[in-house]
Amino acid sequence: MAGMARCAVFTGCSENTNLLVVYLPVYVNCIPGQKMIKFLLMVNRQGQTRLSRYYHPVELGRRAQLEADVVRCCLGRTKDQCSFVEYKDFKLVFRQYAALYIVVGITDSENELAVYELVHNFVEVLDKYFSRVNGQVVETNKSRILALLTALDKMIDS
């Protein structure tokens, strides 16, 4: 497998701002000097970006336009259509999980299936790490919620 290596790493933050580093052993194309993953977006069904991470410089003004175009392109597709889309000078790989879409922009030389599986592994790891993220609203008073979170932080620190 010339040019292939196990080099996929995702980072994120937990609720108490400890850095979560997830090493995912997926073979991806490692061409020196070329960034394979251009960006990662997490978007809801309404098209609102919930998380964005860019791995190459994109001007802030262009980011909003890029995200809007990418979201329109991915959310407009039916479940019968392919999850890989040719878009301008790169490809889009996306997966839907309930009301959340995860979209990855990759170079033309990247393996779409490897990135597709990488997204699934990433979601599985996040699901195990954060366990029960979904749930119901128990308290809506901001000051009570903040007081409880402050108490939890103090317990963790001591």
Protein backbone atom coordinates (compact mmCIF):
# COMPACT_ATOMS: atom_id res chain seq x y z
CA MET A 1 0.00 0.00 0.00
CA ALA A 2 2.31 2.72 -1.21
CA GLY A 3 1.30 6.17 -0.03
CA MET A 4 -1.12 4.76 2.54
CA ALA A 5 -0.67 5.05 6.28
CA ARG A 6 -2.61 4.86 9.51
CA CYS A 7 -2.68 8.53 10.32
CA ALA A 8 -6.23 9.66 11.13
CA VAL A 9 -6.67 11.76 14.28
CA PHE A 10 -9.71 13.71 15.46
CA THR A 11 -9.81 16.08 18.39
CA GLY A 12 -12.68 17.57 20.34
CA CYS A 13 -13.57 18.93 23.75
CA SER A 14 -15.49 17.36 26.58
CA GLU A 15 -17.86 19.23 28.83
CA ASN A 16 -15.14 20.08 31.38
CA THR A 17 -12.81 21.32 28.62
CA ASN A 18 -10.42 18.37 28.77
CA LEU A 19 -9.05 17.64 25.34
CA LEU A 20 -10.37 14.45 23.80
CA VAL A 21 -8.00 12.91 21.28
CA VAL A 22 -9.30 9.96 19.31
CA TYR A 23 -6.92 7.88 17.22
CA LEU A 24 -8.84 6.05 14.53
CA PRO A 25 -6.87 3.35 12.72
CA VAL A 26 -8.17 3.94 9.21
CA TYR A 27 -5.99 3.81 6.14
CA VAL A 28 -5.99 7.17 4.43
CA ASN A 29 -3.91 8.61 1.63
CA CYS A 30 -0.82 10.33 3.07
CA ILE A 31 0.81 12.37 0.33
CA PRO A 32 3.53 14.62 1.77
CA GLY A 33 2.58 18.29 1.70
CA GLN A 34 -1.05 17.62 0.75
CA LYS A 35 -3.86 17.99 3.26
CA MET A 36 -6.32 15.21 2.62
CA ILE A 37 -9.20 16.40 4.78
CA LYS A 38 -10.02 20.02 3.99
CA PHE A 39 -12.83 20.50 6.52
CA LEU A 40 -15.33 18.77 8.78
CA LEU A 41 -18.84 20.10 9.38
CA MET A 42 -21.61 18.96 11.68
CA VAL A 43 -24.92 20.39 10.51
CA ASN A 44 -28.52 19.93 11.68
CA ARG A 45 -31.53 19.36 9.39
CA GLN A 46 -32.27 23.08 9.30
CA GLY A 47 -28.86 23.71 7.77
CA GLN A 48 -27.36 25.34 10.87
CA THR A 49 -23.69 24.56 11.39
CA ARG A 50 -23.15 23.07 14.84
CA LEU A 51 -19.43 22.41 14.52
CA SER A 52 -16.88 23.32 11.87
CA ARG A 53 -13.20 22.51 11.68
CA TYR A 54 -11.02 23.62 8.79
CA TYR A 55 -7.68 21.97 8.09
CA HIS A 56 -6.53 24.56 5.55
CA PRO A 57 -6.97 28.34 5.62
CA VAL A 58 -10.33 29.66 4.40
CA GLU A 59 -11.28 33.32 4.81
CA LEU A 60 -14.14 33.96 7.23
CA GLY A 61 -16.30 35.57 4.56
CA ARG A 62 -15.83 32.59 2.26
CA ARG A 63 -16.54 30.06 5.03
CA ALA A 64 -20.18 31.12 5.38
CA GLN A 65 -20.73 30.84 1.63
CA LEU A 66 -18.89 27.51 1.44
CA GLU A 67 -20.89 26.07 4.35
CA ALA A 68 -24.19 27.25 2.84
CA ASP A 69 -23.35 25.69 -0.55
CA VAL A 70 -22.14 22.43 0.99
CA VAL A 71 -25.21 22.15 3.23
CA ARG A 72 -27.55 22.85 0.32
CA CYS A 73 -25.76 20.24 -1.77
CA CYS A 74 -25.88 17.50 0.90
CA LEU A 75 -29.28 18.13 2.48
CA GLY A 76 -30.93 18.27 -0.93
CA ARG A 77 -30.01 14.66 -1.70
CA THR A 78 -32.37 11.74 -1.08
CA LYS A 79 -31.48 8.59 0.85
CA ASP A 80 -31.33 6.70 -2.46
CA GLN A 81 -28.50 8.90 -3.76
CA CYS A 82 -24.81 8.39 -3.10
CA SER A 83 -23.15 9.97 -0.05
CA PHE A 84 -20.19 11.14 -2.12
CA VAL A 85 -20.54 14.38 -4.09
CA GLU A 86 -18.09 16.07 -6.47
CA TYR A 87 -18.02 19.73 -5.46
CA LYS A 88 -15.78 22.31 -7.16
CA ASP A 89 -12.15 21.23 -6.63
CA PHE A 90 -12.84 18.62 -3.93
CA LYS A 91 -15.26 15.88 -2.89
CA LEU A 92 -17.86 15.82 -0.14
CA VAL A 93 -18.45 12.73 1.96
CA PHE A 94 -21.43 12.88 4.30
CA ARG A 95 -23.44 10.71 6.66
CA GLN A 96 -26.69 11.35 8.45
CA TYR A 97 -27.20 10.39 12.09
CA ALA A 98 -30.76 11.18 13.22
CA ALA A 99 -31.07 14.97 12.78
CA LEU A 100 -27.32 15.55 12.39
CA TYR A 101 -25.31 15.49 9.18
CA ILE A 102 -21.54 15.08 9.26
CA VAL A 103 -19.88 16.41 6.11
CA VAL A 104 -16.19 16.01 5.29
CA GLY A 105 -14.51 17.87 2.43
CA ILE A 106 -11.62 15.85 0.98
CA THR A 107 -9.14 16.11 -1.87
CA ASP A 108 -9.84 14.36 -5.17
CA SER A 109 -7.14 11.76 -4.51
CA GLU A 110 -8.60 10.68 -1.13
CA ASN A 111 -10.43 7.38 -0.69
CA GLU A 112 -14.13 8.18 -0.14
CA LEU A 113 -14.96 4.84 1.49
CA ALA A 114 -12.13 5.21 4.02
CA VAL A 115 -13.40 8.67 4.99
CA TYR A 116 -16.99 7.38 5.10
CA GLU A 117 -15.90 4.68 7.56
CA LEU A 118 -13.78 7.22 9.47
CA VAL A 119 -16.90 9.34 10.03
CA HIS A 120 -18.78 6.32 11.36
CA ASN A 121 -15.92 5.37 13.70
CA PHE A 122 -15.73 8.98 14.90
CA VAL A 123 -19.45 8.99 15.72
CA GLU A 124 -19.20 5.64 17.53
CA VAL A 125 -16.30 6.90 19.66
CA LEU A 126 -18.15 10.14 20.51
CA ASP A 127 -21.24 8.12 21.40
CA LYS A 128 -19.26 5.91 23.79
CA TYR A 129 -17.27 8.80 25.27
CA PHE A 130 -20.26 11.04 25.94
CA SER A 131 -22.59 8.04 26.53
CA ARG A 132 -26.08 9.43 26.98
CA VAL A 133 -26.01 12.81 25.24
CA ASN A 134 -29.64 12.69 24.21
CA GLY A 135 -32.29 13.07 26.88
CA GLN A 136 -34.91 15.40 28.20
CA VAL A 137 -34.86 18.89 29.66
CA VAL A 138 -35.14 18.71 33.44
CA GLU A 139 -34.25 22.29 34.41
CA THR A 140 -34.57 25.47 32.34
CA ASN A 141 -33.58 28.10 34.92
CA LYS A 142 -30.10 29.29 33.86
CA SER A 143 -28.96 30.31 37.35
CA ARG A 144 -29.92 26.91 38.84
CA ILE A 145 -28.16 25.08 36.01
CA LEU A 146 -25.04 27.23 36.45
CA ALA A 147 -25.05 26.62 40.23
CA LEU A 148 -25.23 22.85 39.70
CA LEU A 149 -22.45 22.92 37.11
CA THR A 150 -20.26 25.04 39.39
CA ALA A 151 -20.81 22.55 42.23
CA LEU A 152 -19.89 19.67 39.91
CA ASP A 153 -16.72 21.47 38.82
CA LYS A 154 -15.72 22.00 42.46
CA MET A 155 -16.28 18.30 43.19
CA ILE A 156 -14.14 17.31 40.22
CA ASP A 157 -11.35 19.74 41.18
CA SER A 158 -11.16 18.54 44.80
